[in-house]
Amino acid sequence: IDKIMDVADDLAFKALVDGKSIKVRGLGTLEVAEHKERHYKLPDGTEGTAPAGKHIRFVESRKIKEALNS
């Protein structure tokens, strides 16, 4: 089972790095999202720029969203 899970992890990792999404049946979808560079200012007055980049976003399925909010 560990070997099977290792292969599944490798496949999921490669798919996300390649910009593909992963659907987890009944739960939702993991997808790559890009964000633009943006300026920020902290409450203590510190300012800076957050660089553009990519992150993983989880979009929950309608079924789980309804179950959580009922």
N, C-alpha and C. Protein backbone atom coordinates (compact mmCIF):
# COMPACT_ATOMS: atom_id res chain seq x y z
N ILE A 1 0.83 -1.20 0.00
CA ILE A 1 0.00 0.00 0.00
C ILE A 1 0.88 1.25 0.00
N ASP A 2 1.97 1.23 0.77
CA ASP A 2 2.86 2.39 0.80
C ASP A 2 3.43 2.69 -0.59
N LYS A 3 3.79 1.65 -1.34
CA LYS A 3 4.34 1.85 -2.68
C LYS A 3 3.28 2.47 -3.61
N ILE A 4 2.05 2.02 -3.49
CA ILE A 4 0.96 2.57 -4.31
C ILE A 4 0.75 4.04 -3.96
N MET A 5 0.74 4.36 -2.67
CA MET A 5 0.53 5.75 -2.25
C MET A 5 1.70 6.64 -2.69
N ASP A 6 2.92 6.10 -2.66
CA ASP A 6 4.08 6.87 -3.13
C ASP A 6 3.93 7.22 -4.61
N VAL A 7 3.48 6.26 -5.41
CA VAL A 7 3.28 6.51 -6.84
C VAL A 7 2.17 7.55 -7.04
N ALA A 8 1.09 7.42 -6.27
CA ALA A 8 -0.02 8.37 -6.37
C ALA A 8 0.45 9.78 -5.99
N ASP A 9 1.25 9.88 -4.94
CA ASP A 9 1.79 11.18 -4.52
C ASP A 9 2.65 11.79 -5.63
N ASP A 10 3.50 10.97 -6.24
CA ASP A 10 4.37 11.45 -7.31
C ASP A 10 3.54 11.93 -8.50
N LEU A 11 2.51 11.19 -8.85
CA LEU A 11 1.64 11.58 -9.97
C LEU A 11 0.91 12.89 -9.68
N ALA A 12 0.41 13.03 -8.46
CA ALA A 12 -0.30 14.25 -8.07
C ALA A 12 0.66 15.44 -8.09
N PHE A 13 1.85 15.25 -7.56
CA PHE A 13 2.85 16.32 -7.52
C PHE A 13 3.18 16.76 -8.94
N LYS A 14 3.45 15.82 -9.82
CA LYS A 14 3.80 16.15 -11.20
C LYS A 14 2.65 16.85 -11.92
N ALA A 15 1.42 16.40 -11.69
CA ALA A 15 0.27 17.03 -12.33
C ALA A 15 0.14 18.48 -11.91
N LEU A 16 0.29 18.78 -10.63
CA LEU A 16 0.17 20.15 -10.14
C LEU A 16 1.31 21.02 -10.67
N VAL A 17 2.53 20.48 -10.69
CA VAL A 17 3.67 21.24 -11.22
C VAL A 17 3.45 21.55 -12.70
N ASP A 18 2.82 20.63 -13.42
CA ASP A 18 2.52 20.83 -14.85
C ASP A 18 1.31 21.75 -15.07
N GLY A 19 0.69 22.24 -13.99
CA GLY A 19 -0.43 23.17 -14.10
C GLY A 19 -1.79 22.50 -14.27
N LYS A 20 -1.85 21.20 -14.06
CA LYS A 20 -3.12 20.49 -14.19
C LYS A 20 -3.84 20.48 -12.84
N SER A 21 -5.15 20.25 -12.88
CA SER A 21 -5.92 20.17 -11.64
C SER A 21 -6.14 18.70 -11.28
N ILE A 22 -6.44 18.47 -10.00
CA ILE A 22 -6.67 17.12 -9.49
C ILE A 22 -8.04 17.11 -8.84
N LYS A 23 -8.91 16.25 -9.33
CA LYS A 23 -10.25 16.12 -8.74
C LYS A 23 -10.25 14.99 -7.72
N VAL A 24 -10.72 15.31 -6.53
CA VAL A 24 -10.85 14.32 -5.46
C VAL A 24 -12.35 14.05 -5.33
N ARG A 25 -12.76 12.91 -5.82
CA ARG A 25 -14.19 12.59 -5.89
C ARG A 25 -14.91 12.82 -4.57
N GLY A 26 -15.96 13.61 -4.62
CA GLY A 26 -16.78 13.87 -3.45
C GLY A 26 -16.28 15.01 -2.57
N LEU A 27 -15.03 15.42 -2.72
CA LEU A 27 -14.47 16.48 -1.88
C LEU A 27 -14.28 17.79 -2.62
N GLY A 28 -13.65 17.73 -3.79
CA GLY A 28 -13.40 18.95 -4.53
C GLY A 28 -12.23 18.81 -5.46
N THR A 29 -11.64 19.96 -5.83
CA THR A 29 -10.56 19.98 -6.81
C THR A 29 -9.40 20.82 -6.31
N LEU A 30 -8.20 20.28 -6.48
CA LEU A 30 -6.98 21.03 -6.24
C LEU A 30 -6.55 21.60 -7.57
N GLU A 31 -6.30 22.91 -7.61
CA GLU A 31 -5.88 23.52 -8.87
C GLU A 31 -4.81 24.58 -8.61
N VAL A 32 -4.01 24.82 -9.62
CA VAL A 32 -2.95 25.82 -9.54
C VAL A 32 -3.55 27.18 -9.89
N ALA A 33 -3.29 28.16 -9.06
CA ALA A 33 -3.77 29.52 -9.29
C ALA A 33 -2.59 30.48 -9.25
N GLU A 34 -2.60 31.44 -10.14
CA GLU A 34 -1.54 32.45 -10.17
C GLU A 34 -2.03 33.72 -9.48
N HIS A 35 -1.11 34.41 -8.85
CA HIS A 35 -1.45 35.71 -8.28
C HIS A 35 -0.43 36.73 -8.74
N LYS A 36 -0.88 37.97 -8.90
CA LYS A 36 -0.04 39.05 -9.38
C LYS A 36 0.80 39.61 -8.24
N GLU A 37 1.86 40.31 -8.61
CA GLU A 37 2.66 41.04 -7.64
C GLU A 37 1.76 42.09 -6.99
N ARG A 38 1.91 42.29 -5.69
CA ARG A 38 1.07 43.29 -5.04
C ARG A 38 1.82 43.99 -3.90
N HIS A 39 1.43 45.19 -3.68
CA HIS A 39 2.02 46.03 -2.64
C HIS A 39 1.26 45.79 -1.33
N TYR A 40 1.99 45.80 -0.22
CA TYR A 40 1.32 45.65 1.08
C TYR A 40 1.90 46.64 2.09
N LYS A 41 1.10 46.89 3.12
CA LYS A 41 1.52 47.74 4.24
C LYS A 41 0.99 47.09 5.52
N LEU A 42 1.89 46.79 6.44
CA LEU A 42 1.52 46.16 7.71
C LEU A 42 1.11 47.23 8.73
N PRO A 43 0.38 46.83 9.77
CA PRO A 43 -0.07 47.81 10.78
C PRO A 43 1.08 48.59 11.43
N ASP A 44 2.27 47.98 11.51
CA ASP A 44 3.40 48.69 12.12
C ASP A 44 4.07 49.67 11.16
N GLY A 45 3.52 49.81 9.94
CA GLY A 45 4.05 50.76 8.97
C GLY A 45 5.01 50.16 7.96
N THR A 46 5.40 48.91 8.16
CA THR A 46 6.28 48.24 7.22
C THR A 46 5.58 48.08 5.88
N GLU A 47 6.29 48.43 4.81
CA GLU A 47 5.74 48.27 3.48
C GLU A 47 6.63 47.36 2.66
N GLY A 48 6.05 46.76 1.64
CA GLY A 48 6.82 45.89 0.78
C GLY A 48 6.01 45.45 -0.41
N THR A 49 6.61 44.57 -1.17
CA THR A 49 5.95 44.03 -2.35
C THR A 49 6.00 42.52 -2.29
N ALA A 50 4.84 41.90 -2.38
CA ALA A 50 4.75 40.44 -2.45
C ALA A 50 4.92 40.06 -3.92
N PRO A 51 5.87 39.18 -4.22
CA PRO A 51 6.11 38.84 -5.62
C PRO A 51 4.98 38.02 -6.23
N ALA A 52 4.89 38.08 -7.55
CA ALA A 52 3.92 37.25 -8.26
C ALA A 52 4.33 35.79 -8.08
N GLY A 53 3.37 34.90 -8.18
CA GLY A 53 3.69 33.49 -8.03
C GLY A 53 2.47 32.62 -8.24
N LYS A 54 2.64 31.37 -7.88
CA LYS A 54 1.56 30.40 -8.00
C LYS A 54 1.32 29.77 -6.64
N HIS A 55 0.09 29.32 -6.42
CA HIS A 55 -0.24 28.59 -5.20
C HIS A 55 -1.31 27.55 -5.55
N ILE A 56 -1.56 26.66 -4.63
CA ILE A 56 -2.56 25.62 -4.82
C ILE A 56 -3.85 26.09 -4.16
N ARG A 57 -4.92 26.01 -4.91
CA ARG A 57 -6.24 26.40 -4.40
C ARG A 57 -7.12 25.15 -4.35
N PHE A 58 -7.90 25.02 -3.29
CA PHE A 58 -8.85 23.92 -3.18
C PHE A 58 -10.25 24.48 -3.36
N VAL A 59 -10.97 23.91 -4.31
CA VAL A 59 -12.35 24.30 -4.55
C VAL A 59 -13.22 23.13 -4.13
N GLU A 60 -13.99 23.32 -3.06
CA GLU A 60 -14.78 22.23 -2.52
C GLU A 60 -15.96 21.90 -3.43
N SER A 61 -16.37 20.64 -3.36
CA SER A 61 -17.52 20.21 -4.17
C SER A 61 -18.81 20.77 -3.59
N ARG A 62 -19.82 20.86 -4.42
CA ARG A 62 -21.12 21.35 -3.96
C ARG A 62 -21.66 20.45 -2.85
N LYS A 63 -21.44 19.14 -3.00
CA LYS A 63 -21.96 18.18 -2.02
C LYS A 63 -21.37 18.44 -0.62
N ILE A 64 -20.07 18.62 -0.53
CA ILE A 64 -19.46 18.84 0.78
C ILE A 64 -19.79 20.24 1.31
N LYS A 65 -19.90 21.21 0.42
CA LYS A 65 -20.25 22.57 0.84
C LYS A 65 -21.65 22.58 1.46
N GLU A 66 -22.59 21.88 0.82
CA GLU A 66 -23.95 21.80 1.36
C GLU A 66 -23.97 21.08 2.70
N ALA A 67 -23.20 19.99 2.82
CA ALA A 67 -23.16 19.24 4.08
C ALA A 67 -22.60 20.09 5.21
N LEU A 68 -21.57 20.88 4.91
CA LEU A 68 -20.96 21.72 5.94
C LEU A 68 -21.88 22.85 6.37
N ASN A 69 -22.69 23.34 5.46
CA ASN A 69 -23.53 24.50 5.76
C ASN A 69 -24.98 24.16 6.10
N SER A 70 -25.27 22.90 6.29
CA SER A 70 -26.64 22.54 6.64
C SER A 70 -26.85 22.47 8.13
